[in-house]
C-alpha cells in the first residue's frame, strides 16, 4: 500500500485486517504513522547503520596505518 505525504498529513487512519481460512478469529492491526519533516525524515535507519559502520571502519584503518608507520619509523 502506498500512501502519499498529503494523505498522511490529513491524518487518515488505516487498518490492516487478516483472516486465516482455517481459524475462526480475525486480526486487526492499526497503522499509526507519525509524519516527520526535514532531512532526518528521509534517512532510513539502514542508511544510518551503514554510514556509522563505514566511519568506524575508516577510523580503525587509519589507526592501524598510523601504528604501522610508527613501528617502522
PDB file of N, CA and C in Angstrom:
ATOM      1  N   UNK A   1       0.846  -1.169   0.000  1.00  0.00           N
ATOM      2  CA  UNK A   1       0.000   0.000   0.000  1.00  0.00           C
ATOM      3  C   UNK A   1       0.891   1.231   0.000  1.00  0.00           C
ATOM      4  N   UNK A   2       0.589   2.156  -0.863  1.00  0.00           N
ATOM      5  CA  UNK A   2       1.344   3.394  -0.956  1.00  0.00           C
ATOM      6  C   UNK A   2       0.430   4.540  -0.545  1.00  0.00           C
ATOM      7  N   UNK A   3       0.910   5.338   0.404  1.00  0.00           N
ATOM      8  CA  UNK A   3       0.137   6.473   0.908  1.00  0.00           C
ATOM      9  C   UNK A   3       0.955   7.729   0.658  1.00  0.00           C
ATOM     10  N   UNK A   4       0.333   8.713   0.038  1.00  0.00           N
ATOM     11  CA  UNK A   4       1.050   9.953  -0.273  1.00  0.00           C
ATOM     12  C   UNK A   4       1.279  10.773   0.995  1.00  0.00           C
ATOM     13  N   UNK A   5       2.220  11.697   0.910  1.00  0.00           N
ATOM     14  CA  UNK A   5       2.523  12.570   2.050  1.00  0.00           C
ATOM     15  C   UNK A   5       1.312  13.429   2.399  1.00  0.00           C
ATOM     16  N   UNK A   6       0.559  13.835   1.385  1.00  0.00           N
ATOM     17  CA  UNK A   6      -0.638  14.647   1.639  1.00  0.00           C
ATOM     18  C   UNK A   6      -1.670  13.858   2.437  1.00  0.00           C
ATOM     19  N   UNK A   7      -1.860  12.589   2.098  1.00  0.00           N
ATOM     20  CA  UNK A   7      -2.804  11.759   2.844  1.00  0.00           C
ATOM     21  C   UNK A   7      -2.343  11.559   4.285  1.00  0.00           C
ATOM     22  N   UNK A   8      -1.037  11.439   4.484  1.00  0.00           N
ATOM     23  CA  UNK A   8      -0.517  11.282   5.840  1.00  0.00           C
ATOM     24  C   UNK A   8      -0.747  12.542   6.662  1.00  0.00           C
ATOM     25  N   UNK A   9      -0.598  13.702   6.047  1.00  0.00           N
ATOM     26  CA  UNK A   9      -0.827  14.961   6.764  1.00  0.00           C
ATOM     27  C   UNK A   9      -2.293  15.136   7.142  1.00  0.00           C
ATOM     28  N   UNK A  10      -3.189  14.532   6.363  1.00  0.00           N
ATOM     29  CA  UNK A  10      -4.617  14.632   6.658  1.00  0.00           C
ATOM     30  C   UNK A  10      -5.034  13.692   7.785  1.00  0.00           C
ATOM     31  N   UNK A  11      -4.091  12.919   8.288  1.00  0.00           N
ATOM     32  CA  UNK A  11      -4.283  12.042   9.447  1.00  0.00           C
ATOM     33  C   UNK A  11      -5.400  11.018   9.247  1.00  0.00           C
ATOM     34  N   UNK A  12      -5.390  10.379   8.075  1.00  0.00           N
ATOM     35  CA  UNK A  12      -6.310   9.268   7.859  1.00  0.00           C
ATOM     36  C   UNK A  12      -5.876   8.106   8.735  1.00  0.00           C
ATOM     37  N   UNK A  13      -6.792   7.237   9.084  1.00  0.00           N
ATOM     38  CA  UNK A  13      -6.464   6.063   9.896  1.00  0.00           C
ATOM     39  C   UNK A  13      -6.607   4.821   9.027  1.00  0.00           C
ATOM     40  N   UNK A  14      -5.561   4.003   8.957  1.00  0.00           N
ATOM     41  CA  UNK A  14      -5.565   2.800   8.142  1.00  0.00           C
ATOM     42  C   UNK A  14      -5.499   1.580   9.046  1.00  0.00           C
ATOM     43  N   UNK A  15      -6.220   0.533   8.665  1.00  0.00           N
ATOM     44  CA  UNK A  15      -6.228  -0.716   9.416  1.00  0.00           C
ATOM     45  C   UNK A  15      -6.010  -1.866   8.448  1.00  0.00           C
ATOM     46  N   UNK A  16      -5.170  -2.790   8.840  1.00  0.00           N
ATOM     47  CA  UNK A  16      -4.937  -3.999   8.061  1.00  0.00           C
ATOM     48  C   UNK A  16      -5.690  -5.136   8.744  1.00  0.00           C
ATOM     49  N   UNK A  17      -6.498  -5.866   7.991  1.00  0.00           N
ATOM     50  CA  UNK A  17      -7.263  -6.973   8.549  1.00  0.00           C
ATOM     51  C   UNK A  17      -6.790  -8.273   7.919  1.00  0.00           C
ATOM     52  N   UNK A  18      -6.509  -9.261   8.760  1.00  0.00           N
ATOM     53  CA  UNK A  18      -6.060 -10.568   8.292  1.00  0.00           C
ATOM     54  C   UNK A  18      -7.052 -11.614   8.764  1.00  0.00           C
ATOM     55  N   UNK A  19      -7.537 -12.420   7.835  1.00  0.00           N
ATOM     56  CA  UNK A  19      -8.436 -13.514   8.176  1.00  0.00           C
ATOM     57  C   UNK A  19      -7.805 -14.804   7.682  1.00  0.00           C
ATOM     58  N   UNK A  20      -7.583 -15.739   8.580  1.00  0.00           N
ATOM     59  CA  UNK A  20      -6.984 -17.020   8.224  1.00  0.00           C
ATOM     60  C   UNK A  20      -8.103 -18.002   7.903  1.00  0.00           C
ATOM     61  N   UNK A  21      -7.955 -18.740   6.809  1.00  0.00           N
ATOM     62  CA  UNK A  21      -9.026 -19.629   6.358  1.00  0.00           C
ATOM     63  C   UNK A  21      -9.341 -20.744   7.343  1.00  0.00           C
ATOM     64  N   UNK A  22      -8.337 -21.232   8.062  1.00  0.00           N
ATOM     65  CA  UNK A  22      -8.580 -22.362   8.960  1.00  0.00           C
ATOM     66  C   UNK A  22      -8.871 -21.923  10.400  1.00  0.00           C
ATOM     67  N   UNK A  23      -8.909 -20.623  10.659  1.00  0.00           N
ATOM     68  CA  UNK A  23      -9.185 -20.124  12.006  1.00  0.00           C
ATOM     69  C   UNK A  23     -10.477 -19.313  11.998  1.00  0.00           C
ATOM     70  N   UNK A  24     -11.119 -19.240  13.151  1.00  0.00           N
ATOM     71  CA  UNK A  24     -12.376 -18.506  13.254  1.00  0.00           C
ATOM     72  C   UNK A  24     -12.189 -17.046  13.661  1.00  0.00           C
ATOM     73  N   UNK A  25     -10.985 -16.664  14.046  1.00  0.00           N
ATOM     74  CA  UNK A  25     -10.800 -15.297  14.533  1.00  0.00           C
ATOM     75  C   UNK A  25     -10.195 -14.403  13.453  1.00  0.00           C
ATOM     76  N   UNK A  26     -10.266 -13.115  13.681  1.00  0.00           N
ATOM     77  CA  UNK A  26      -9.773 -12.111  12.753  1.00  0.00           C
ATOM     78  C   UNK A  26      -8.757 -11.242  13.494  1.00  0.00           C
ATOM     79  N   UNK A  27      -7.704 -10.830  12.818  1.00  0.00           N
ATOM     80  CA  UNK A  27      -6.663  -9.997  13.416  1.00  0.00           C
ATOM     81  C   UNK A  27      -6.704  -8.625  12.754  1.00  0.00           C
ATOM     82  N   UNK A  28      -6.943  -7.584  13.545  1.00  0.00           N
ATOM     83  CA  UNK A  28      -6.934  -6.205  13.054  1.00  0.00           C
ATOM     84  C   UNK A  28      -5.690  -5.507  13.581  1.00  0.00           C
ATOM     85  N   UNK A  29      -4.940  -4.889  12.685  1.00  0.00           N
ATOM     86  CA  UNK A  29      -3.730  -4.169  13.067  1.00  0.00           C
ATOM     87  C   UNK A  29      -3.886  -2.728  12.611  1.00  0.00           C
ATOM     88  N   UNK A  30      -3.861  -1.809  13.564  1.00  0.00           N
ATOM     89  CA  UNK A  30      -3.940  -0.387  13.235  1.00  0.00           C
ATOM     90  C   UNK A  30      -2.565   0.130  12.857  1.00  0.00           C
ATOM     91  N   UNK A  31      -2.510   0.961  11.841  1.00  0.00           N
ATOM     92  CA  UNK A  31      -1.243   1.512  11.385  1.00  0.00           C
ATOM     93  C   UNK A  31      -1.164   2.971  11.800  1.00  0.00           C
ATOM     94  N   UNK A  32      -0.331   3.264  12.782  1.00  0.00           N
ATOM     95  CA  UNK A  32      -0.122   4.640  13.224  1.00  0.00           C
ATOM     96  C   UNK A  32       1.192   5.123  12.641  1.00  0.00           C
ATOM     97  N   UNK A  33       1.129   6.129  11.820  1.00  0.00           N
ATOM     98  CA  UNK A  33       2.318   6.668  11.175  1.00  0.00           C
ATOM     99  C   UNK A  33       2.470   8.120  11.577  1.00  0.00           C
ATOM    100  N   UNK A  34       3.590   8.452  12.144  1.00  0.00           N
ATOM    101  CA  UNK A  34       3.867   9.826  12.523  1.00  0.00           C
ATOM    102  C   UNK A  34       4.628  10.476  11.368  1.00  0.00           C
ATOM    103  N   UNK A  35       4.035  11.490  10.774  1.00  0.00           N
ATOM    104  CA  UNK A  35       4.660  12.166   9.642  1.00  0.00           C
ATOM    105  C   UNK A  35       5.755  13.084  10.149  1.00  0.00           C
ATOM    106  N   UNK A  36       6.934  12.908   9.613  1.00  0.00           N
ATOM    107  CA  UNK A  36       8.071  13.742  10.005  1.00  0.00           C
ATOM    108  C   UNK A  36       8.487  14.590   8.813  1.00  0.00           C
ATOM    109  N   UNK A  37       9.093  15.696   9.091  1.00  0.00           N
ATOM    110  CA  UNK A  37       9.573  16.547   8.015  1.00  0.00           C
ATOM    111  C   UNK A  37      11.022  16.910   8.282  1.00  0.00           C
ATOM    112  N   UNK A  38      11.673  17.391   7.260  1.00  0.00           N
ATOM    113  CA  UNK A  38      13.067  17.776   7.392  1.00  0.00           C
ATOM    114  C   UNK A  38      13.987  16.697   6.868  1.00  0.00           C
ATOM    115  N   UNK A  39      15.291  16.939   6.925  1.00  0.00           N
ATOM    116  CA  UNK A  39      16.256  15.998   6.358  1.00  0.00           C
ATOM    117  C   UNK A  39      16.248  14.635   7.044  1.00  0.00           C
ATOM    118  N   UNK A  40      15.987  14.590   8.344  1.00  0.00           N
ATOM    119  CA  UNK A  40      16.005  13.311   9.058  1.00  0.00           C
ATOM    120  C   UNK A  40      14.844  12.423   8.649  1.00  0.00           C
ATOM    121  N   UNK A  41      13.787  13.000   8.106  1.00  0.00           N
ATOM    122  CA  UNK A  41      12.618  12.215   7.716  1.00  0.00           C
ATOM    123  C   UNK A  41      12.907  11.346   6.506  1.00  0.00           C
ATOM    124  N   UNK A  42      13.917  11.688   5.719  1.00  0.00           N
ATOM    125  CA  UNK A  42      14.205  10.945   4.501  1.00  0.00           C
ATOM    126  C   UNK A  42      15.325   9.936   4.681  1.00  0.00           C
ATOM    127  N   UNK A  43      15.943   9.859   5.837  1.00  0.00           N
ATOM    128  CA  UNK A  43      17.056   8.941   6.075  1.00  0.00           C
ATOM    129  C   UNK A  43      16.532   7.710   6.799  1.00  0.00           C
ATOM    130  N   UNK A  44      16.742   6.550   6.188  1.00  0.00           N
ATOM    131  CA  UNK A  44      16.275   5.316   6.813  1.00  0.00           C
ATOM    132  C   UNK A  44      17.300   4.829   7.835  1.00  0.00           C
ATOM    133  N   UNK A  45      16.872   4.033   8.807  1.00  0.00           N
ATOM    134  CA  UNK A  45      17.809   3.510   9.812  1.00  0.00           C
ATOM    135  C   UNK A  45      18.924   2.671   9.193  1.00  0.00           C
ATOM    136  N   UNK A  46      18.632   1.975   8.098  1.00  0.00           N
ATOM    137  CA  UNK A  46      19.655   1.165   7.442  1.00  0.00           C
ATOM    138  C   UNK A  46      20.795   2.037   6.922  1.00  0.00           C
ATOM    139  N   UNK A  47      20.455   3.193   6.372  1.00  0.00           N
ATOM    140  CA  UNK A  47      21.479   4.105   5.859  1.00  0.00           C
ATOM    141  C   UNK A  47      22.342   4.614   7.000  1.00  0.00           C
ATOM    142  N   UNK A  48      21.745   4.931   8.125  1.00  0.00           N
ATOM    143  CA  UNK A  48      22.491   5.409   9.290  1.00  0.00           C
ATOM    144  C   UNK A  48      23.466   4.336   9.763  1.00  0.00           C
ATOM    145  N   UNK A  49      23.012   3.087   9.833  1.00  0.00           N
ATOM    146  CA  UNK A  49      23.874   1.985  10.281  1.00  0.00           C
ATOM    147  C   UNK A  49      25.052   1.816   9.329  1.00  0.00           C
ATOM    148  N   UNK A  50      24.805   1.855   8.032  1.00  0.00           N
ATOM    149  CA  UNK A  50      25.885   1.692   7.051  1.00  0.00           C
ATOM    150  C   UNK A  50      26.891   2.829   7.171  1.00  0.00           C
ATOM    151  N   UNK A  51      26.423   4.049   7.307  1.00  0.00           N
ATOM    152  CA  UNK A  51      27.331   5.197   7.429  1.00  0.00           C
ATOM    153  C   UNK A  51      28.174   5.078   8.691  1.00  0.00           C
ATOM    154  N   UNK A  52      27.564   4.699   9.801  1.00  0.00           N
ATOM    155  CA  UNK A  52      28.308   4.538  11.057  1.00  0.00           C
ATOM    156  C   UNK A  52      29.359   3.443  10.907  1.00  0.00           C
ATOM    157  N   UNK A  53      29.003   2.323  10.291  1.00  0.00           N
ATOM    158  CA  UNK A  53      29.969   1.234  10.105  1.00  0.00           C
ATOM    159  C   UNK A  53      31.130   1.661   9.212  1.00  0.00           C
ATOM    160  N   UNK A  54      30.859   2.409   8.162  1.00  0.00           N
ATOM    161  CA  UNK A  54      31.927   2.883   7.277  1.00  0.00           C
ATOM    162  C   UNK A  54      32.849   3.840   8.022  1.00  0.00           C
ATOM    163  N   UNK A  55      32.290   4.724   8.828  1.00  0.00           N
ATOM    164  CA  UNK A  55      33.113   5.669   9.596  1.00  0.00           C
ATOM    165  C   UNK A  55      33.983   4.920  10.604  1.00  0.00           C
ATOM    166  N   UNK A  56      33.410   3.953  11.314  1.00  0.00           N
ATOM    167  CA  UNK A  56      34.179   3.172  12.294  1.00  0.00           C
ATOM    168  C   UNK A  56      35.284   2.388  11.589  1.00  0.00           C
ATOM    169  N   UNK A  57      34.974   1.776  10.446  1.00  0.00           N
ATOM    170  CA  UNK A  57      35.993   1.029   9.701  1.00  0.00           C
ATOM    171  C   UNK A  57      37.107   1.965   9.242  1.00  0.00           C
ATOM    172  N   UNK A  58      36.757   3.165   8.808  1.00  0.00           N
ATOM    173  CA  UNK A  58      37.768   4.137   8.390  1.00  0.00           C
ATOM    174  C   UNK A  58      38.666   4.558   9.535  1.00  0.00           C
ATOM    175  N   UNK A  59      38.083   4.772  10.698  1.00  0.00           N
ATOM    176  CA  UNK A  59      38.872   5.150  11.878  1.00  0.00           C
ATOM    177  C   UNK A  59      39.815   4.020  12.271  1.00  0.00           C
ATOM    178  N   UNK A  60      39.316   2.785  12.266  1.00  0.00           N
ATOM    179  CA  UNK A  60      40.169   1.640  12.607  1.00  0.00           C
ATOM    180  C   UNK A  60      41.299   1.473  11.594  1.00  0.00           C
ATOM    181  N   UNK A  61      40.997   1.646  10.310  1.00  0.00           N
ATOM    182  CA  UNK A  61      42.027   1.543   9.280  1.00  0.00           C
ATOM    183  C   UNK A  61      43.085   2.620   9.469  1.00  0.00           C
ATOM    184  N   UNK A  62      42.648   3.842   9.721  1.00  0.00           N
ATOM    185  CA  UNK A  62      43.582   4.943   9.918  1.00  0.00           C
ATOM    186  C   UNK A  62      44.449   4.722  11.154  1.00  0.00           C
ATOM    187  N   UNK A  63      43.853   4.250  12.245  1.00  0.00           N
ATOM    188  CA  UNK A  63      44.618   3.977  13.467  1.00  0.00           C
ATOM    189  C   UNK A  63      45.645   2.875  13.217  1.00  0.00           C
ATOM    190  N   UNK A  64      45.245   1.822  12.518  1.00  0.00           N
ATOM    191  CA  UNK A  64      46.189   0.747  12.195  1.00  0.00           C
ATOM    192  C   UNK A  64      47.313   1.225  11.303  1.00  0.00           C
ATOM    193  N   UNK A  65      46.999   2.069  10.331  1.00  0.00           N
ATOM    194  CA  UNK A  65      48.012   2.606   9.430  1.00  0.00           C
ATOM    195  C   UNK A  65      49.014   3.463  10.190  1.00  0.00           C
ATOM    196  N   UNK A  66      48.528   4.306  11.104  1.00  0.00           N
ATOM    197  CA  UNK A  66      49.415   5.165  11.902  1.00  0.00           C
ATOM    198  C   UNK A  66      50.298   4.317  12.809  1.00  0.00           C
ATOM    199  N   UNK A  67      49.721   3.284  13.439  1.00  0.00           N
ATOM    200  CA  UNK A  67      50.520   2.410  14.311  1.00  0.00           C
ATOM    201  C   UNK A  67      51.583   1.671  13.514  1.00  0.00           C
ATOM    202  N   UNK A  68      51.259   1.231  12.298  1.00  0.00           N
ATOM    203  CA  UNK A  68      52.224   0.526  11.465  1.00  0.00           C
ATOM    204  C   UNK A  68      53.363   1.467  11.063  1.00  0.00           C
ATOM    205  N   UNK A  69      53.049   2.697  10.740  1.00  0.00           N
ATOM    206  CA  UNK A  69      54.081   3.670  10.361  1.00  0.00           C
ATOM    207  C   UNK A  69      55.015   3.966  11.536  1.00  0.00           C
ATOM    208  N   UNK A  70      54.454   4.053  12.760  1.00  0.00           N
ATOM    209  CA  UNK A  70      55.280   4.331  13.934  1.00  0.00           C
ATOM    210  C   UNK A  70      56.225   3.174  14.227  1.00  0.00           C
ATOM    211  N   UNK A  71      55.787   1.933  13.997  1.00  0.00           N
ATOM    212  CA  UNK A  71      56.647   0.770  14.256  1.00  0.00           C
ATOM    213  C   UNK A  71      57.811   0.708  13.279  1.00  0.00           C
ATOM    214  N   UNK A  72      57.570   1.101  12.030  1.00  0.00           N
ATOM    215  CA  UNK A  72      58.615   1.020  11.011  1.00  0.00           C
ATOM    216  C   UNK A  72      59.467   2.284  10.947  1.00  0.00           C
ATOM    217  N   UNK A  73      59.161   3.269  11.739  1.00  0.00           N
ATOM    218  CA  UNK A  73      59.928   4.528  11.692  1.00  0.00           C
ATOM    219  C   UNK A  73      61.131   4.476  12.590  1.00  0.00           C
TER     220      UNK A  73
END
